[in-house]
Amino acid sequence: MTKAEQIRKLAMALPGVEEKSHFGTPSFRFEGRMFAEISEKKAEAILKLSKLHQEVLFDSRPDAFKPAIWGAIRWTRLFLDHIDARELPELVREAYDEVAKPKKKKAPAKKKASARR
């Protein structure tokens, strides 16, 4: 099994995940929100990892992890030939958790005290 196939298997084993094409490549989504994309042909994957983890990976392992940037969106590109297959379960789970975690609700705006007396 290739690492891209392993990512597919790991992603599809998570609750509520569906596979959809994203510009001709397989992507994996939870409630419509993408968390992973694979390219078997290029031996690459793109995952939605936490910002802090991204920075650590970009700095410590630039041969395996690079930014994937689209405007203000910044994800993590993985070069699968430089990644141990044993790392993939944790990375895929983190990407899934980034989209599956409940969104923080904004606190309601406080009403200003009336100036009338």
PDB file of N, CA and C in Angstrom:
ATOM      1  N   MET A   1       0.847  -1.183   0.000  1.00  0.00           N
ATOM      2  CA  MET A   1       0.000   0.000   0.000  1.00  0.00           C
ATOM      3  C   MET A   1       0.889   1.241   0.000  1.00  0.00           C
ATOM      4  N   THR A   2       0.572   2.180  -0.898  1.00  0.00           N
ATOM      5  CA  THR A   2       1.337   3.429  -0.931  1.00  0.00           C
ATOM      6  C   THR A   2       0.919   4.311   0.246  1.00  0.00           C
ATOM      7  N   LYS A   3       1.692   5.330   0.500  1.00  0.00           N
ATOM      8  CA  LYS A   3       1.354   6.250   1.589  1.00  0.00           C
ATOM      9  C   LYS A   3       0.087   7.033   1.265  1.00  0.00           C
ATOM     10  N   ALA A   4      -0.133   7.365  -0.002  1.00  0.00           N
ATOM     11  CA  ALA A   4      -1.378   8.042  -0.390  1.00  0.00           C
ATOM     12  C   ALA A   4      -2.581   7.123  -0.125  1.00  0.00           C
ATOM     13  N   GLU A   5      -2.443   5.849  -0.454  1.00  0.00           N
ATOM     14  CA  GLU A   5      -3.526   4.891  -0.168  1.00  0.00           C
ATOM     15  C   GLU A   5      -3.750   4.760   1.336  1.00  0.00           C
ATOM     16  N   GLN A   6      -2.653   4.807   2.104  1.00  0.00           N
ATOM     17  CA  GLN A   6      -2.761   4.738   3.559  1.00  0.00           C
ATOM     18  C   GLN A   6      -3.528   5.957   4.093  1.00  0.00           C
ATOM     19  N   ILE A   7      -3.239   7.134   3.558  1.00  0.00           N
ATOM     20  CA  ILE A   7      -3.961   8.338   3.983  1.00  0.00           C
ATOM     21  C   ILE A   7      -5.446   8.175   3.677  1.00  0.00           C
ATOM     22  N   ARG A   8      -5.776   7.672   2.485  1.00  0.00           N
ATOM     23  CA  ARG A   8      -7.184   7.447   2.118  1.00  0.00           C
ATOM     24  C   ARG A   8      -7.850   6.503   3.128  1.00  0.00           C
ATOM     25  N   LYS A   9      -7.198   5.410   3.425  1.00  0.00           N
ATOM     26  CA  LYS A   9      -7.757   4.423   4.366  1.00  0.00           C
ATOM     27  C   LYS A   9      -7.949   5.028   5.758  1.00  0.00           C
ATOM     28  N   LEU A  10      -6.954   5.767   6.224  1.00  0.00           N
ATOM     29  CA  LEU A  10      -7.045   6.413   7.541  1.00  0.00           C
ATOM     30  C   LEU A  10      -8.178   7.436   7.579  1.00  0.00           C
ATOM     31  N   ALA A  11      -8.263   8.262   6.538  1.00  0.00           N
ATOM     32  CA  ALA A  11      -9.287   9.306   6.492  1.00  0.00           C
ATOM     33  C   ALA A  11     -10.688   8.698   6.448  1.00  0.00           C
ATOM     34  N   MET A  12     -10.872   7.697   5.608  1.00  0.00           N
ATOM     35  CA  MET A  12     -12.201   7.111   5.442  1.00  0.00           C
ATOM     36  C   MET A  12     -12.655   6.317   6.674  1.00  0.00           C
ATOM     37  N   ALA A  13     -11.734   5.970   7.559  1.00  0.00           N
ATOM     38  CA  ALA A  13     -12.081   5.267   8.789  1.00  0.00           C
ATOM     39  C   ALA A  13     -12.595   6.211   9.873  1.00  0.00           C
ATOM     40  N   LEU A  14     -12.453   7.513   9.657  1.00  0.00           N
ATOM     41  CA  LEU A  14     -12.896   8.493  10.655  1.00  0.00           C
ATOM     42  C   LEU A  14     -14.388   8.768  10.500  1.00  0.00           C
ATOM     43  N   PRO A  15     -15.072   9.083  11.601  1.00  0.00           N
ATOM     44  CA  PRO A  15     -16.527   9.296  11.543  1.00  0.00           C
ATOM     45  C   PRO A  15     -16.939  10.468  10.649  1.00  0.00           C
ATOM     46  N   GLY A  16     -17.950  10.239   9.812  1.00  0.00           N
ATOM     47  CA  GLY A  16     -18.552  11.304   9.018  1.00  0.00           C
ATOM     48  C   GLY A  16     -17.743  11.778   7.837  1.00  0.00           C
ATOM     49  N   VAL A  17     -16.707  11.041   7.425  1.00  0.00           N
ATOM     50  CA  VAL A  17     -15.831  11.485   6.337  1.00  0.00           C
ATOM     51  C   VAL A  17     -16.361  10.996   4.998  1.00  0.00           C
ATOM     52  N   GLU A  18     -16.277  11.877   4.008  1.00  0.00           N
ATOM     53  CA  GLU A  18     -16.607  11.498   2.640  1.00  0.00           C
ATOM     54  C   GLU A  18     -15.457  11.909   1.732  1.00  0.00           C
ATOM     55  N   GLU A  19     -15.286  11.155   0.656  1.00  0.00           N
ATOM     56  CA  GLU A  19     -14.260  11.462  -0.331  1.00  0.00           C
ATOM     57  C   GLU A  19     -14.913  12.166  -1.507  1.00  0.00           C
ATOM     58  N   LYS A  20     -14.312  13.270  -1.936  1.00  0.00           N
ATOM     59  CA  LYS A  20     -14.793  14.025  -3.102  1.00  0.00           C
ATOM     60  C   LYS A  20     -13.598  14.477  -3.921  1.00  0.00           C
ATOM     61  N   SER A  21     -13.829  14.677  -5.198  1.00  0.00           N
ATOM     62  CA  SER A  21     -12.777  15.186  -6.065  1.00  0.00           C
ATOM     63  C   SER A  21     -12.589  16.681  -5.805  1.00  0.00           C
ATOM     64  N   HIS A  22     -11.333  17.100  -5.770  1.00  0.00           N
ATOM     65  CA  HIS A  22     -10.992  18.513  -5.616  1.00  0.00           C
ATOM     66  C   HIS A  22     -10.005  18.846  -6.729  1.00  0.00           C
ATOM     67  N   PHE A  23     -10.491  19.481  -7.789  1.00  0.00           N
ATOM     68  CA  PHE A  23      -9.681  19.785  -8.964  1.00  0.00           C
ATOM     69  C   PHE A  23      -8.988  18.528  -9.500  1.00  0.00           C
ATOM     70  N   GLY A  24      -9.740  17.420  -9.513  1.00  0.00           N
ATOM     71  CA  GLY A  24      -9.249  16.174 -10.098  1.00  0.00           C
ATOM     72  C   GLY A  24      -8.449  15.278  -9.165  1.00  0.00           C
ATOM     73  N   THR A  25      -8.261  15.689  -7.919  1.00  0.00           N
ATOM     74  CA  THR A  25      -7.556  14.836  -6.965  1.00  0.00           C
ATOM     75  C   THR A  25      -8.484  14.482  -5.811  1.00  0.00           C
ATOM     76  N   PRO A  26      -8.289  13.320  -5.187  1.00  0.00           N
ATOM     77  CA  PRO A  26      -9.144  12.923  -4.068  1.00  0.00           C
ATOM     78  C   PRO A  26      -8.938  13.835  -2.859  1.00  0.00           C
ATOM     79  N   SER A  27     -10.056  14.257  -2.288  1.00  0.00           N
ATOM     80  CA  SER A  27      -9.999  15.031  -1.046  1.00  0.00           C
ATOM     81  C   SER A  27     -10.938  14.378  -0.049  1.00  0.00           C
ATOM     82  N   PHE A  28     -10.711  14.671   1.214  1.00  0.00           N
ATOM     83  CA  PHE A  28     -11.478  14.060   2.292  1.00  0.00           C
ATOM     84  C   PHE A  28     -12.065  15.171   3.147  1.00  0.00           C
ATOM     85  N   ARG A  29     -13.362  15.021   3.426  1.00  0.00           N
ATOM     86  CA  ARG A  29     -14.115  16.103   4.065  1.00  0.00           C
ATOM     87  C   ARG A  29     -14.979  15.593   5.209  1.00  0.00           C
ATOM     88  N   PHE A  30     -15.148  16.466   6.184  1.00  0.00           N
ATOM     89  CA  PHE A  30     -16.074  16.231   7.282  1.00  0.00           C
ATOM     90  C   PHE A  30     -17.083  17.376   7.245  1.00  0.00           C
ATOM     91  N   GLU A  31     -18.347  17.020   7.110  1.00  0.00           N
ATOM     92  CA  GLU A  31     -19.432  18.008   7.003  1.00  0.00           C
ATOM     93  C   GLU A  31     -19.105  19.072   5.966  1.00  0.00           C
ATOM     94  N   GLY A  32     -18.556  18.627   4.834  1.00  0.00           N
ATOM     95  CA  GLY A  32     -18.267  19.511   3.717  1.00  0.00           C
ATOM     96  C   GLY A  32     -16.953  20.260   3.805  1.00  0.00           C
ATOM     97  N   ARG A  33     -16.297  20.208   4.955  1.00  0.00           N
ATOM     98  CA  ARG A  33     -15.031  20.937   5.135  1.00  0.00           C
ATOM     99  C   ARG A  33     -13.846  19.998   4.877  1.00  0.00           C
ATOM    100  N   MET A  34     -13.012  20.379   3.941  1.00  0.00           N
ATOM    101  CA  MET A  34     -11.869  19.555   3.559  1.00  0.00           C
ATOM    102  C   MET A  34     -10.787  19.591   4.634  1.00  0.00           C
ATOM    103  N   PHE A  35     -10.177  18.420   4.888  1.00  0.00           N
ATOM    104  CA  PHE A  35      -9.052  18.355   5.816  1.00  0.00           C
ATOM    105  C   PHE A  35      -7.829  17.666   5.199  1.00  0.00           C
ATOM    106  N   ALA A  36      -8.020  16.982   4.068  1.00  0.00           N
ATOM    107  CA  ALA A  36      -6.891  16.294   3.440  1.00  0.00           C
ATOM    108  C   ALA A  36      -7.121  16.148   1.948  1.00  0.00           C
ATOM    109  N   GLU A  37      -6.031  16.115   1.221  1.00  0.00           N
ATOM    110  CA  GLU A  37      -6.061  15.888  -0.217  1.00  0.00           C
ATOM    111  C   GLU A  37      -4.815  15.068  -0.544  1.00  0.00           C
ATOM    112  N   ILE A  38      -4.951  14.119  -1.473  1.00  0.00           N
ATOM    113  CA  ILE A  38      -3.799  13.293  -1.840  1.00  0.00           C
ATOM    114  C   ILE A  38      -3.553  13.349  -3.347  1.00  0.00           C
ATOM    115  N   SER A  39      -2.293  13.203  -3.708  1.00  0.00           N
ATOM    116  CA  SER A  39      -1.903  13.086  -5.108  1.00  0.00           C
ATOM    117  C   SER A  39      -0.962  11.898  -5.212  1.00  0.00           C
ATOM    118  N   GLU A  40      -1.518  10.781  -5.614  1.00  0.00           N
ATOM    119  CA  GLU A  40      -0.722   9.561  -5.791  1.00  0.00           C
ATOM    120  C   GLU A  40       0.376   9.801  -6.818  1.00  0.00           C
ATOM    121  N   LYS A  41       0.023  10.487  -7.901  1.00  0.00           N
ATOM    122  CA  LYS A  41       0.943  10.743  -9.011  1.00  0.00           C
ATOM    123  C   LYS A  41       2.194  11.507  -8.554  1.00  0.00           C
ATOM    124  N   LYS A  42       1.993  12.508  -7.695  1.00  0.00           N
ATOM    125  CA  LYS A  42       3.106  13.330  -7.219  1.00  0.00           C
ATOM    126  C   LYS A  42       3.703  12.825  -5.908  1.00  0.00           C
ATOM    127  N   ALA A  43       3.087  11.806  -5.291  1.00  0.00           N
ATOM    128  CA  ALA A  43       3.500  11.317  -3.962  1.00  0.00           C
ATOM    129  C   ALA A  43       3.482  12.467  -2.954  1.00  0.00           C
ATOM    130  N   GLU A  44       2.365  13.224  -2.982  1.00  0.00           N
ATOM    131  CA  GLU A  44       2.176  14.349  -2.069  1.00  0.00           C
ATOM    132  C   GLU A  44       0.791  14.283  -1.436  1.00  0.00           C
ATOM    133  N   ALA A  45       0.679  14.965  -0.333  1.00  0.00           N
ATOM    134  CA  ALA A  45      -0.613  15.150   0.317  1.00  0.00           C
ATOM    135  C   ALA A  45      -0.636  16.564   0.871  1.00  0.00           C
ATOM    136  N   ILE A  46      -1.832  17.072   1.078  1.00  0.00           N
ATOM    137  CA  ILE A  46      -2.005  18.374   1.713  1.00  0.00           C
ATOM    138  C   ILE A  46      -2.950  18.154   2.887  1.00  0.00           C
ATOM    139  N   LEU A  47      -2.533  18.598   4.066  1.00  0.00           N
ATOM    140  CA  LEU A  47      -3.328  18.416   5.277  1.00  0.00           C
ATOM    141  C   LEU A  47      -3.542  19.747   5.974  1.00  0.00           C
ATOM    142  N   LYS A  48      -4.675  19.853   6.666  1.00  0.00           N
ATOM    143  CA  LYS A  48      -4.980  21.046   7.455  1.00  0.00           C
ATOM    144  C   LYS A  48      -4.474  20.787   8.879  1.00  0.00           C
ATOM    145  N   LEU A  49      -3.251  21.196   9.144  1.00  0.00           N
ATOM    146  CA  LEU A  49      -2.666  21.018  10.477  1.00  0.00           C
ATOM    147  C   LEU A  49      -2.735  22.332  11.247  1.00  0.00           C
ATOM    148  N   SER A  50      -2.553  22.243  12.552  1.00  0.00           N
ATOM    149  CA  SER A  50      -2.592  23.452  13.375  1.00  0.00           C
ATOM    150  C   SER A  50      -1.444  24.380  12.981  1.00  0.00           C
ATOM    151  N   LYS A  51      -1.653  25.667  13.156  1.00  0.00           N
ATOM    152  CA  LYS A  51      -0.636  26.660  12.784  1.00  0.00           C
ATOM    153  C   LYS A  51       0.683  26.424  13.519  1.00  0.00           C
ATOM    154  N   LEU A  52       0.600  26.117  14.794  1.00  0.00           N
ATOM    155  CA  LEU A  52       1.817  25.882  15.578  1.00  0.00           C
ATOM    156  C   LEU A  52       2.559  24.651  15.063  1.00  0.00           C
ATOM    157  N   HIS A  53       1.844  23.570  14.820  1.00  0.00           N
ATOM    158  CA  HIS A  53       2.483  22.351  14.325  1.00  0.00           C
ATOM    159  C   HIS A  53       3.091  22.582  12.944  1.00  0.00           C
ATOM    160  N   GLN A  54       2.403  23.353  12.104  1.00  0.00           N
ATOM    161  CA  GLN A  54       2.945  23.685  10.786  1.00  0.00           C
ATOM    162  C   GLN A  54       4.321  24.336  10.916  1.00  0.00           C
ATOM    163  N   GLU A  55       4.418  25.338  11.764  1.00  0.00           N
ATOM    164  CA  GLU A  55       5.679  26.075  11.921  1.00  0.00           C
ATOM    165  C   GLU A  55       6.808  25.158  12.370  1.00  0.00           C
ATOM    166  N   VAL A  56       6.501  24.279  13.315  1.00  0.00           N
ATOM    167  CA  VAL A  56       7.514  23.340  13.803  1.00  0.00           C
ATOM    168  C   VAL A  56       7.977  22.435  12.669  1.00  0.00           C
ATOM    169  N   LEU A  57       7.033  21.894  11.905  1.00  0.00           N
ATOM    170  CA  LEU A  57       7.383  20.991  10.807  1.00  0.00           C
ATOM    171  C   LEU A  57       8.144  21.710   9.692  1.00  0.00           C
ATOM    172  N   PHE A  58       7.706  22.912   9.329  1.00  0.00           N
ATOM    173  CA  PHE A  58       8.393  23.665   8.269  1.00  0.00           C
ATOM    174  C   PHE A  58       9.841  23.964   8.659  1.00  0.00           C
ATOM    175  N   ASP A  59      10.059  24.313   9.924  1.00  0.00           N
ATOM    176  CA  ASP A  59      11.407  24.659  10.390  1.00  0.00           C
ATOM    177  C   ASP A  59      12.289  23.425  10.583  1.00  0.00           C
ATOM    178  N   SER A  60      11.728  22.356  11.129  1.00  0.00           N
ATOM    179  CA  SER A  60      12.545  21.199  11.492  1.00  0.00           C
ATOM    180  C   SER A  60      12.721  20.182  10.369  1.00  0.00           C
ATOM    181  N   ARG A  61      11.773  20.123   9.415  1.00  0.00           N
ATOM    182  CA  ARG A  61      11.838  19.096   8.369  1.00  0.00           C
ATOM    183  C   ARG A  61      11.407  19.654   7.010  1.00  0.00           C
ATOM    184  N   PRO A  62      12.157  20.625   6.493  1.00  0.00           N
ATOM    185  CA  PRO A  62      11.752  21.263   5.234  1.00  0.00           C
ATOM    186  C   PRO A  62      11.775  20.321   4.022  1.00  0.00           C
ATOM    187  N   ASP A  63      12.468  19.188   4.123  1.00  0.00           N
ATOM    188  CA  ASP A  63      12.473  18.226   3.026  1.00  0.00           C
ATOM    189  C   ASP A  63      11.146  17.468   2.937  1.00  0.00           C
ATOM    190  N   ALA A  64      10.418  17.399   4.037  1.00  0.00           N
ATOM    191  CA  ALA A  64       9.178  16.624   4.095  1.00  0.00           C
ATOM    192  C   ALA A  64       7.920  17.493   4.151  1.00  0.00           C
ATOM    193  N   PHE A  65       8.030  18.725   4.685  1.00  0.00           N
ATOM    194  CA  PHE A  65       6.860  19.575   4.897  1.00  0.00           C
ATOM    195  C   PHE A  65       7.121  20.986   4.375  1.00  0.00           C
ATOM    196  N   LYS A  66       6.202  21.481   3.570  1.00  0.00           N
ATOM    197  CA  LYS A  66       6.284  22.856   3.041  1.00  0.00           C
ATOM    198  C   LYS A  66       4.894  23.486   3.120  1.00  0.00           C
ATOM    199  N   PRO A  67       4.831  24.816   3.161  1.00  0.00           N
ATOM    200  CA  PRO A  67       3.518  25.467   3.147  1.00  0.00           C
ATOM    201  C   PRO A  67       2.818  25.284   1.802  1.00  0.00           C
ATOM    202  N   ALA A  68       1.537  25.086   1.851  1.00  0.00           N
ATOM    203  CA  ALA A  68       0.676  25.094   0.663  1.00  0.00           C
ATOM    204  C   ALA A  68      -0.215  26.322   0.851  1.00  0.00           C
ATOM    205  N   ILE A  69       0.016  27.352   0.061  1.00  0.00           N
ATOM    206  CA  ILE A  69      -0.633  28.646   0.299  1.00  0.00           C
ATOM    207  C   ILE A  69      -1.531  29.028  -0.866  1.00  0.00           C
ATOM    208  N   TRP A  70      -2.771  29.404  -0.534  1.00  0.00           N
ATOM    209  CA  TRP A  70      -3.736  29.956  -1.491  1.00  0.00           C
ATOM    210  C   TRP A  70      -4.276  31.230  -0.866  1.00  0.00           C
ATOM    211  N   GLY A  71      -3.738  32.362  -1.222  1.00  0.00           N
ATOM    212  CA  GLY A  71      -4.168  33.625  -0.621  1.00  0.00           C
ATOM    213  C   GLY A  71      -3.877  33.615   0.869  1.00  0.00           C
ATOM    214  N   ALA A  72      -4.906  33.785   1.680  1.00  0.00           N
ATOM    215  CA  ALA A  72      -4.743  33.809   3.131  1.00  0.00           C
ATOM    216  C   ALA A  72      -4.775  32.405   3.743  1.00  0.00           C
ATOM    217  N   ILE A  73      -5.071  31.392   2.918  1.00  0.00           N
ATOM    218  CA  ILE A  73      -5.167  30.024   3.418  1.00  0.00           C
ATOM    219  C   ILE A  73      -3.790  29.382   3.377  1.00  0.00           C
ATOM    220  N   ARG A  74      -3.408  28.754   4.485  1.00  0.00           N
ATOM    221  CA  ARG A  74      -2.093  28.110   4.570  1.00  0.00           C
ATOM    222  C   ARG A  74      -2.255  26.721   5.183  1.00  0.00           C
ATOM    223  N   TRP A  75      -2.002  25.716   4.366  1.00  0.00           N
ATOM    224  CA  TRP A  75      -2.063  24.333   4.802  1.00  0.00           C
ATOM    225  C   TRP A  75      -0.657  23.737   4.747  1.00  0.00           C
ATOM    226  N   THR A  76      -0.556  22.427   4.953  1.00  0.00           N
ATOM    227  CA  THR A  76       0.735  21.763   4.975  1.00  0.00           C
ATOM    228  C   THR A  76       0.844  20.756   3.834  1.00  0.00           C
ATOM    229  N   ARG A  77       1.857  20.948   2.980  1.00  0.00           N
ATOM    230  CA  ARG A  77       2.128  19.989   1.898  1.00  0.00           C
ATOM    231  C   ARG A  77       3.139  18.967   2.425  1.00  0.00           C
ATOM    232  N   LEU A  78       2.803  17.695   2.270  1.00  0.00           N
ATOM    233  CA  LEU A  78       3.668  16.609   2.702  1.00  0.00           C
ATOM    234  C   LEU A  78       4.273  15.947   1.469  1.00  0.00           C
ATOM    235  N   PHE A  79       5.578  15.771   1.472  1.00  0.00           N
ATOM    236  CA  PHE A  79       6.259  15.032   0.425  1.00  0.00           C
ATOM    237  C   PHE A  79       6.416  13.605   0.956  1.00  0.00           C
ATOM    238  N   LEU A  80       5.544  12.717   0.478  1.00  0.00           N
ATOM    239  CA  LEU A  80       5.369  11.402   1.084  1.00  0.00           C
ATOM    240  C   LEU A  80       6.610  10.529   1.034  1.00  0.00           C
ATOM    241  N   ASP A  81       7.509  10.754   0.095  1.00  0.00           N
ATOM    242  CA  ASP A  81       8.747   9.971   0.046  1.00  0.00           C
ATOM    243  C   ASP A  81       9.668  10.282   1.222  1.00  0.00           C
ATOM    244  N   HIS A  82       9.419  11.410   1.906  1.00  0.00           N
ATOM    245  CA  HIS A  82      10.263  11.827   3.024  1.00  0.00           C
ATOM    246  C   HIS A  82       9.576  11.657   4.378  1.00  0.00           C
ATOM    247  N   ILE A  83       8.469  10.930   4.390  1.00  0.00           N
ATOM    248  CA  ILE A  83       7.704  10.756   5.624  1.00  0.00           C
ATOM    249  C   ILE A  83       7.566   9.273   5.929  1.00  0.00           C
ATOM    250  N   ASP A  84       7.792   8.922   7.182  1.00  0.00           N
ATOM    251  CA  ASP A  84       7.626   7.540   7.627  1.00  0.00           C
ATOM    252  C   ASP A  84       6.128   7.238   7.713  1.00  0.00           C
ATOM    253  N   ALA A  85       5.723   6.104   7.210  1.00  0.00           N
ATOM    254  CA  ALA A  85       4.310   5.713   7.216  1.00  0.00           C
ATOM    255  C   ALA A  85       3.730   5.685   8.635  1.00  0.00           C
ATOM    256  N   ARG A  86       4.576   5.478   9.627  1.00  0.00           N
ATOM    257  CA  ARG A  86       4.090   5.443  11.021  1.00  0.00           C
ATOM    258  C   ARG A  86       3.640   6.811  11.514  1.00  0.00           C
ATOM    259  N   GLU A  87       4.048   7.884  10.834  1.00  0.00           N
ATOM    260  CA  GLU A  87       3.630   9.239  11.210  1.00  0.00           C
ATOM    261  C   GLU A  87       2.222   9.574  10.708  1.00  0.00           C
ATOM    262  N   LEU A  88       1.787   8.907   9.678  1.00  0.00           N
ATOM    263  CA  LEU A  88       0.550   9.292   8.993  1.00  0.00           C
ATOM    264  C   LEU A  88      -0.713   9.232   9.851  1.00  0.00           C
ATOM    265  N   PRO A  89      -0.903   8.197  10.690  1.00  0.00           N
ATOM    266  CA  PRO A  89      -2.143   8.189  11.482  1.00  0.00           C
ATOM    267  C   PRO A  89      -2.328   9.448  12.337  1.00  0.00           C
ATOM    268  N   GLU A  90      -1.261   9.899  12.989  1.00  0.00           N
ATOM    269  CA  GLU A  90      -1.354  11.088  13.840  1.00  0.00           C
ATOM    270  C   GLU A  90      -1.608  12.350  13.006  1.00  0.00           C
ATOM    271  N   LEU A  91      -0.934  12.455  11.864  1.00  0.00           N
ATOM    272  CA  LEU A  91      -1.102  13.633  11.013  1.00  0.00           C
ATOM    273  C   LEU A  91      -2.514  13.712  10.434  1.00  0.00           C
ATOM    274  N   VAL A  92      -3.030  12.590   9.955  1.00  0.00           N
ATOM    275  CA  VAL A  92      -4.391  12.573   9.389  1.00  0.00           C
ATOM    276  C   VAL A  92      -5.410  12.887  10.481  1.00  0.00           C
ATOM    277  N   ARG A  93      -5.217  12.323  11.668  1.00  0.00           N
ATOM    278  CA  ARG A  93      -6.157  12.585  12.767  1.00  0.00           C
ATOM    279  C   ARG A  93      -6.135  14.058  13.162  1.00  0.00           C
ATOM    280  N   GLU A  94      -4.954  14.664  13.212  1.00  0.00           N
ATOM    281  CA  GLU A  94      -4.866  16.086  13.558  1.00  0.00           C
ATOM    282  C   GLU A  94      -5.608  16.935  12.526  1.00  0.00           C
ATOM    283  N   ALA A  95      -5.424  16.613  11.248  1.00  0.00           N
ATOM    284  CA  ALA A  95      -6.097  17.371  10.184  1.00  0.00           C
ATOM    285  C   ALA A  95      -7.609  17.232  10.314  1.00  0.00           C
ATOM    286  N   TYR A  96      -8.077  16.036  10.568  1.00  0.00           N
ATOM    287  CA  TYR A  96      -9.510  15.788  10.772  1.00  0.00           C
ATOM    288  C   TYR A  96     -10.019  16.602  11.972  1.00  0.00           C
ATOM    289  N   ASP A  97      -9.290  16.539  13.068  1.00  0.00           N
ATOM    290  CA  ASP A  97      -9.697  17.264  14.280  1.00  0.00           C
ATOM    291  C   ASP A  97      -9.767  18.769  14.047  1.00  0.00           C
ATOM    292  N   GLU A  98      -8.913  19.300  13.165  1.00  0.00           N
ATOM    293  CA  GLU A  98      -8.935  20.734  12.872  1.00  0.00           C
ATOM    294  C   GLU A  98     -10.272  21.163  12.261  1.00  0.00           C
ATOM    295  N   VAL A  99     -10.925  20.296  11.500  1.00  0.00           N
ATOM    296  CA  VAL A  99     -12.211  20.680  10.906  1.00  0.00           C
ATOM    297  C   VAL A  99     -13.398  20.125  11.678  1.00  0.00           C
ATOM    298  N   ALA A 100     -13.194  19.051  12.441  1.00  0.00           N
ATOM    299  CA  ALA A 100     -14.309  18.422  13.145  1.00  0.00           C
ATOM    300  C   ALA A 100     -14.573  19.041  14.520  1.00  0.00           C
ATOM    301  N   LYS A 101     -13.604  19.758  15.054  1.00  0.00           N
ATOM    302  CA  LYS A 101     -13.804  20.346  16.382  1.00  0.00           C
ATOM    303  C   LYS A 101     -14.879  21.425  16.310  1.00  0.00           C
ATOM    304  N   PRO A 102     -15.660  21.553  17.366  1.00  0.00           N
ATOM    305  CA  PRO A 102     -16.698  22.592  17.352  1.00  0.00           C
ATOM    306  C   PRO A 102     -16.087  23.982  17.202  1.00  0.00           C
ATOM    307  N   LYS A 103     -16.740  24.790  16.399  1.00  0.00           N
ATOM    308  CA  LYS A 103     -16.266  26.163  16.216  1.00  0.00           C
ATOM    309  C   LYS A 103     -16.591  26.972  17.456  1.00  0.00           C
ATOM    310  N   LYS A 104     -15.677  27.871  17.798  1.00  0.00           N
ATOM    311  CA  LYS A 104     -15.904  28.745  18.947  1.00  0.00           C
ATOM    312  C   LYS A 104     -16.963  29.761  18.578  1.00  0.00           C
ATOM    313  N   LYS A 105     -17.908  29.932  19.470  1.00  0.00           N
ATOM    314  CA  LYS A 105     -18.946  30.931  19.235  1.00  0.00           C
ATOM    315  C   LYS A 105     -18.485  32.257  19.803  1.00  0.00           C
ATOM    316  N   LYS A 106     -18.803  33.306  19.080  1.00  0.00           N
ATOM    317  CA  LYS A 106     -18.462  34.639  19.553  1.00  0.00           C
ATOM    318  C   LYS A 106     -19.411  35.019  20.680  1.00  0.00           C
ATOM    319  N   ALA A 107     -18.860  35.698  21.654  1.00  0.00           N
ATOM    320  CA  ALA A 107     -19.686  36.177  22.758  1.00  0.00           C
ATOM    321  C   ALA A 107     -20.610  37.263  22.227  1.00  0.00           C
ATOM    322  N   PRO A 108     -21.846  37.282  22.701  1.00  0.00           N
ATOM    323  CA  PRO A 108     -22.754  38.333  22.234  1.00  0.00           C
ATOM    324  C   PRO A 108     -22.225  39.708  22.615  1.00  0.00           C
ATOM    325  N   ALA A 109     -22.466  40.664  21.760  1.00  0.00           N
ATOM    326  CA  ALA A 109     -22.020  42.032  22.020  1.00  0.00           C
ATOM    327  C   ALA A 109     -22.762  42.583  23.235  1.00  0.00           C
ATOM    328  N   LYS A 110     -22.004  43.282  24.076  1.00  0.00           N
ATOM    329  CA  LYS A 110     -22.616  43.887  25.253  1.00  0.00           C
ATOM    330  C   LYS A 110     -23.364  45.133  24.832  1.00  0.00           C
ATOM    331  N   LYS A 111     -24.526  45.313  25.430  1.00  0.00           N
ATOM    332  CA  LYS A 111     -25.302  46.519  25.147  1.00  0.00           C
ATOM    333  C   LYS A 111     -24.704  47.672  25.925  1.00  0.00           C
ATOM    334  N   LYS A 112     -24.641  48.797  25.257  1.00  0.00           N
ATOM    335  CA  LYS A 112     -24.109  49.993  25.924  1.00  0.00           C
ATOM    336  C   LYS A 112     -25.179  50.527  26.864  1.00  0.00           C
ATOM    337  N   ALA A 113     -24.729  51.045  27.974  1.00  0.00           N
ATOM    338  CA  ALA A 113     -25.646  51.645  28.929  1.00  0.00           C
ATOM    339  C   ALA A 113     -26.290  52.887  28.313  1.00  0.00           C
ATOM    340  N   SER A 114     -27.531  53.037  28.568  1.00  0.00           N
ATOM    341  CA  SER A 114     -28.263  54.175  28.017  1.00  0.00           C
ATOM    342  C   SER A 114     -27.804  55.461  28.679  1.00  0.00           C
ATOM    343  N   ALA A 115     -27.690  56.516  27.909  1.00  0.00           N
ATOM    344  CA  ALA A 115     -27.286  57.818  28.417  1.00  0.00           C
ATOM    345  C   ALA A 115     -28.477  58.562  29.012  1.00  0.00           C
ATOM    346  N   ARG A 116     -29.710  58.019  28.769  1.00  0.00           N
ATOM    347  CA  ARG A 116     -30.893  58.694  29.303  1.00  0.00           C
ATOM    348  C   ARG A 116     -31.028  58.445  30.794  1.00  0.00           C
ATOM    349  N   ARG A 117     -31.592  59.417  31.475  1.00  0.00           N
ATOM    350  CA  ARG A 117     -31.854  59.285  32.917  1.00  0.00           C
ATOM    351  C   ARG A 117     -33.228  59.689  33.230  1.00  0.00           C
TER     352      ARG A 117
END
